[in-house]
Amino acid sequence: MKTYNIFKNTTYAIEGLLVLIKEKAFLIELFFVIVFSIILLFLDVTLTQKSIMFMSLMVILITEALNTAIENVVDLVTSEWRELAKKAKDTASGAVFLSIFQAIVVWSINLF
């Protein structure tokens, strides 16, 4: 049975974050998350609202990480154009779009 090593697994997580930092889409989204997180510090809303608004930003980064993972696996499986590969990549990209949309909705509800 394989043993769980928290230090080794943390290393894997950090390596994954380093992969993400090299992705242009992730860097753009990270920039906006940082900017909006700073803005969030100065907004006159409750701590609960700030938490919800911050979590909506984090969902964008999490979804982009999953999108990147899906794209990498698809590229590993086939280098040829395949309809199913396109659907997988487009669906993952659609999830990122939906996460951005939900963040816009959450921020709009809490600000207006």
C-alpha atoms as a PDB file:
ATOM      1  CA  MET A   1       0.000   0.000   0.000  1.00  0.00           C
ATOM      2  CA  LYS A   2       1.256   3.443  -0.930  1.00  0.00           C
ATOM      3  CA  THR A   3       1.909   5.780   1.982  1.00  0.00           C
ATOM      4  CA  TYR A   4       0.826   9.397   2.043  1.00  0.00           C
ATOM      5  CA  ASN A   5       3.664  11.907   2.244  1.00  0.00           C
ATOM      6  CA  ILE A   6       2.397  15.442   2.793  1.00  0.00           C
ATOM      7  CA  PHE A   7       5.749  17.005   1.887  1.00  0.00           C
ATOM      8  CA  LYS A   8       6.035  15.081  -1.371  1.00  0.00           C
ATOM      9  CA  ASN A   9       2.428  15.886  -2.283  1.00  0.00           C
ATOM     10  CA  THR A  10       2.973  19.556  -1.481  1.00  0.00           C
ATOM     11  CA  THR A  11       5.923  19.501  -3.868  1.00  0.00           C
ATOM     12  CA  TYR A  12       3.627  18.162  -6.599  1.00  0.00           C
ATOM     13  CA  ALA A  13       1.129  20.947  -5.914  1.00  0.00           C
ATOM     14  CA  ILE A  14       3.846  23.598  -6.115  1.00  0.00           C
ATOM     15  CA  GLU A  15       5.102  22.084  -9.385  1.00  0.00           C
ATOM     16  CA  GLY A  16       1.550  22.313 -10.709  1.00  0.00           C
ATOM     17  CA  LEU A  17       1.362  25.987  -9.755  1.00  0.00           C
ATOM     18  CA  LEU A  18       4.662  26.589 -11.533  1.00  0.00           C
ATOM     19  CA  VAL A  19       3.159  25.022 -14.656  1.00  0.00           C
ATOM     20  CA  LEU A  20       0.179  27.384 -14.371  1.00  0.00           C
ATOM     21  CA  ILE A  21       2.400  30.454 -14.001  1.00  0.00           C
ATOM     22  CA  LYS A  22       3.763  29.708 -17.485  1.00  0.00           C
ATOM     23  CA  GLU A  23       0.262  29.783 -19.010  1.00  0.00           C
ATOM     24  CA  LYS A  24      -0.670  33.131 -20.561  1.00  0.00           C
ATOM     25  CA  ALA A  25      -4.397  32.772 -19.842  1.00  0.00           C
ATOM     26  CA  PHE A  26      -3.723  31.969 -16.190  1.00  0.00           C
ATOM     27  CA  LEU A  27      -1.397  34.968 -15.830  1.00  0.00           C
ATOM     28  CA  ILE A  28      -4.023  37.308 -17.283  1.00  0.00           C
ATOM     29  CA  GLU A  29      -6.675  35.938 -14.947  1.00  0.00           C
ATOM     30  CA  LEU A  30      -4.270  36.058 -11.998  1.00  0.00           C
ATOM     31  CA  PHE A  31      -3.561  39.724 -12.754  1.00  0.00           C
ATOM     32  CA  PHE A  32      -7.269  40.577 -12.647  1.00  0.00           C
ATOM     33  CA  VAL A  33      -7.817  38.493  -9.502  1.00  0.00           C
ATOM     34  CA  ILE A  34      -5.004  40.391  -7.758  1.00  0.00           C
ATOM     35  CA  VAL A  35      -6.353  43.777  -8.923  1.00  0.00           C
ATOM     36  CA  PHE A  36      -9.903  42.974  -7.827  1.00  0.00           C
ATOM     37  CA  SER A  37      -8.670  41.514  -4.531  1.00  0.00           C
ATOM     38  CA  ILE A  38      -6.917  44.791  -3.781  1.00  0.00           C
ATOM     39  CA  ILE A  39     -10.060  46.736  -4.730  1.00  0.00           C
ATOM     40  CA  LEU A  40     -12.025  44.421  -2.455  1.00  0.00           C
ATOM     41  CA  LEU A  41      -9.998  45.595   0.540  1.00  0.00           C
ATOM     42  CA  PHE A  42     -11.366  49.115   0.113  1.00  0.00           C
ATOM     43  CA  LEU A  43     -15.007  48.316  -0.619  1.00  0.00           C
ATOM     44  CA  ASP A  44     -17.620  49.231   1.960  1.00  0.00           C
ATOM     45  CA  VAL A  45     -19.285  45.827   2.185  1.00  0.00           C
ATOM     46  CA  THR A  46     -19.556  43.282   4.971  1.00  0.00           C
ATOM     47  CA  LEU A  47     -16.865  40.703   5.653  1.00  0.00           C
ATOM     48  CA  THR A  48     -19.254  38.008   4.460  1.00  0.00           C
ATOM     49  CA  GLN A  49     -19.750  39.827   1.154  1.00  0.00           C
ATOM     50  CA  LYS A  50     -15.992  40.282   0.771  1.00  0.00           C
ATOM     51  CA  SER A  51     -15.474  36.568   1.408  1.00  0.00           C
ATOM     52  CA  ILE A  52     -18.052  35.582  -1.187  1.00  0.00           C
ATOM     53  CA  MET A  53     -16.624  38.040  -3.707  1.00  0.00           C
ATOM     54  CA  PHE A  54     -13.078  36.765  -3.100  1.00  0.00           C
ATOM     55  CA  MET A  55     -14.171  33.144  -3.432  1.00  0.00           C
ATOM     56  CA  SER A  56     -15.822  33.977  -6.759  1.00  0.00           C
ATOM     57  CA  LEU A  57     -12.424  35.224  -7.971  1.00  0.00           C
ATOM     58  CA  MET A  58     -10.664  32.091  -6.747  1.00  0.00           C
ATOM     59  CA  VAL A  59     -13.132  29.919  -8.672  1.00  0.00           C
ATOM     60  CA  ILE A  60     -11.823  31.529 -11.864  1.00  0.00           C
ATOM     61  CA  LEU A  61      -8.244  30.460 -11.071  1.00  0.00           C
ATOM     62  CA  ILE A  62      -9.323  26.971 -10.028  1.00  0.00           C
ATOM     63  CA  THR A  63     -11.335  26.523 -13.217  1.00  0.00           C
ATOM     64  CA  GLU A  64      -8.429  27.761 -15.336  1.00  0.00           C
ATOM     65  CA  ALA A  65      -6.167  25.227 -13.607  1.00  0.00           C
ATOM     66  CA  LEU A  66      -8.588  22.427 -14.470  1.00  0.00           C
ATOM     67  CA  ASN A  67      -8.877  23.749 -18.032  1.00  0.00           C
ATOM     68  CA  THR A  68      -5.088  23.655 -18.376  1.00  0.00           C
ATOM     69  CA  ALA A  69      -4.979  20.105 -17.021  1.00  0.00           C
ATOM     70  CA  ILE A  70      -7.657  18.957 -19.482  1.00  0.00           C
ATOM     71  CA  GLU A  71      -5.885  20.618 -22.403  1.00  0.00           C
ATOM     72  CA  ASN A  72      -2.593  18.956 -21.438  1.00  0.00           C
ATOM     73  CA  VAL A  73      -4.188  15.520 -21.175  1.00  0.00           C
ATOM     74  CA  VAL A  74      -5.928  15.934 -24.538  1.00  0.00           C
ATOM     75  CA  ASP A  75      -2.631  17.000 -26.122  1.00  0.00           C
ATOM     76  CA  LEU A  76      -0.962  13.953 -24.558  1.00  0.00           C
ATOM     77  CA  VAL A  77      -3.567  11.588 -25.973  1.00  0.00           C
ATOM     78  CA  THR A  78      -3.572  12.928 -29.533  1.00  0.00           C
ATOM     79  CA  SER A  79      -1.678  15.422 -31.615  1.00  0.00           C
ATOM     80  CA  GLU A  80      -4.157  15.050 -34.471  1.00  0.00           C
ATOM     81  CA  TRP A  81      -7.344  17.076 -34.814  1.00  0.00           C
ATOM     82  CA  ARG A  82     -10.204  15.074 -33.343  1.00  0.00           C
ATOM     83  CA  GLU A  83     -13.793  16.144 -32.776  1.00  0.00           C
ATOM     84  CA  LEU A  84     -13.822  14.699 -29.236  1.00  0.00           C
ATOM     85  CA  ALA A  85     -10.544  16.459 -28.398  1.00  0.00           C
ATOM     86  CA  LYS A  86     -12.064  19.735 -29.614  1.00  0.00           C
ATOM     87  CA  LYS A  87     -15.205  19.141 -27.550  1.00  0.00           C
ATOM     88  CA  ALA A  88     -13.155  18.419 -24.427  1.00  0.00           C
ATOM     89  CA  LYS A  89     -11.044  21.547 -24.843  1.00  0.00           C
ATOM     90  CA  ASP A  90     -14.015  23.744 -25.751  1.00  0.00           C
ATOM     91  CA  THR A  91     -16.032  22.455 -22.802  1.00  0.00           C
ATOM     92  CA  ALA A  92     -13.175  23.170 -20.389  1.00  0.00           C
ATOM     93  CA  SER A  93     -12.805  26.640 -21.877  1.00  0.00           C
ATOM     94  CA  GLY A  94     -16.549  27.124 -21.510  1.00  0.00           C
ATOM     95  CA  ALA A  95     -16.230  26.295 -17.819  1.00  0.00           C
ATOM     96  CA  VAL A  96     -13.679  29.101 -17.440  1.00  0.00           C
ATOM     97  CA  PHE A  97     -16.078  31.463 -19.214  1.00  0.00           C
ATOM     98  CA  LEU A  98     -18.895  30.440 -16.852  1.00  0.00           C
ATOM     99  CA  SER A  99     -16.664  30.986 -13.810  1.00  0.00           C
ATOM    100  CA  ILE A 100     -15.870  34.508 -15.014  1.00  0.00           C
ATOM    101  CA  PHE A 101     -19.569  35.151 -15.641  1.00  0.00           C
ATOM    102  CA  GLN A 102     -20.514  33.961 -12.153  1.00  0.00           C
ATOM    103  CA  ALA A 103     -17.866  36.236 -10.634  1.00  0.00           C
ATOM    104  CA  ILE A 104     -19.339  39.188 -12.531  1.00  0.00           C
ATOM    105  CA  VAL A 105     -22.804  38.292 -11.252  1.00  0.00           C
ATOM    106  CA  VAL A 106     -21.592  37.883  -7.658  1.00  0.00           C
ATOM    107  CA  TRP A 107     -19.730  41.209  -7.731  1.00  0.00           C
ATOM    108  CA  SER A 108     -22.702  42.981  -9.348  1.00  0.00           C
ATOM    109  CA  ILE A 109     -25.139  41.660  -6.763  1.00  0.00           C
ATOM    110  CA  ASN A 110     -22.885  42.720  -3.896  1.00  0.00           C
ATOM    111  CA  LEU A 111     -22.099  46.181  -5.257  1.00  0.00           C
ATOM    112  CA  PHE A 112     -25.443  47.330  -6.629  1.00  0.00           C
END
